[in-house]
Amino acid sequence: MTLAVASLGVGAQQATINVFAAGSLRGPVTRAAKAFEQAHPGTRVALSFGASGLLRDRITGGDKADVFASANMEHPQSLGAGGGYGPTRAFARNALCALARQGLAVTRDTLVATMLDTAVKLGTSTPKADPSGDYAFELFERVERTGAGPVGSAKALAAKALQLTGGPNSPPPPAGRNVYGMLVATGQADVFLTYCTNAVIARAEEPSLQRIDVPTAINVSAEYGIAVREDAGTAAQAFADALVGGAGQDALREAGFLAP
């Protein structure tokens, strides 16, 4: 993978690009950053990963991010509306899947009933702090709105959902291990709603886990947005451009992300 933007002259500059990116982007953005550094000697890409809402709060609190790659459009758009960041561009999409523990009798067709089962521990990320949690709670609304579950389903699912990760007080993810797979494998959740790309990584680490595709009628498309600080250098803009429409898209496709 070559991120070629030599016409911008960034390769000859000594620069550090501070990139804040959603945790679900860790693999592809890390690969894209390494390729960018190789293509532009002297330019370093410093990466910080986490829940998009918490990263946004760090930025508004004074932390410097030249590039902000979020798991939704709203967080980078809010930075642009507040001044200091350029327009938000969509650069990837994701969808929700369910991770289920070994031995749990669940299929795509029975997923809603399984989630509603009072004996089943349902895990999500934390809404507002982590867009994955927002998407999960939107899925709960769709369950009831589409008739996939009975009246009161949305409230029941929201009430029972265990917000196990992505929040300001959540335990830090285990080093070198997928947090969603760990939470299900250790019994903290029987079913966990997360991005399909996360489910692939989790099952690679914990093959006993089940990946359940969410029915199309209730699934939620997660659109990822990226914004560049207005006073960031040309290298930062070039890196963002590569993720939006350049070779960085190769790393995203390889990781299972969909085109915007």
Foldseek 3Di string as FASTA:
>chain_A
DALDDCVQVQLVDQEEAEEEEEQLCVQLLVVLQVNLCVNRPNYHYHYDYAALLVVLVVVVVPDDHQKYKHLAQPSVVVVVVVDQWDHKDWQWKWKKKKKAAFPDPDAQLCVLVQLLPPVFQEEFADPSQHVRRVQVLQLQVLCDVVVVDDPPSSVSNVVRYDNADRDPPHDDADPPALNVLVCNHVPVGRMYMGTPLSVVRSCVVVVSMDIHGHDPSRMDMGTMIMIGGPPDDPSSVSSVCCSRPNVSVVSCVVSPIHGD
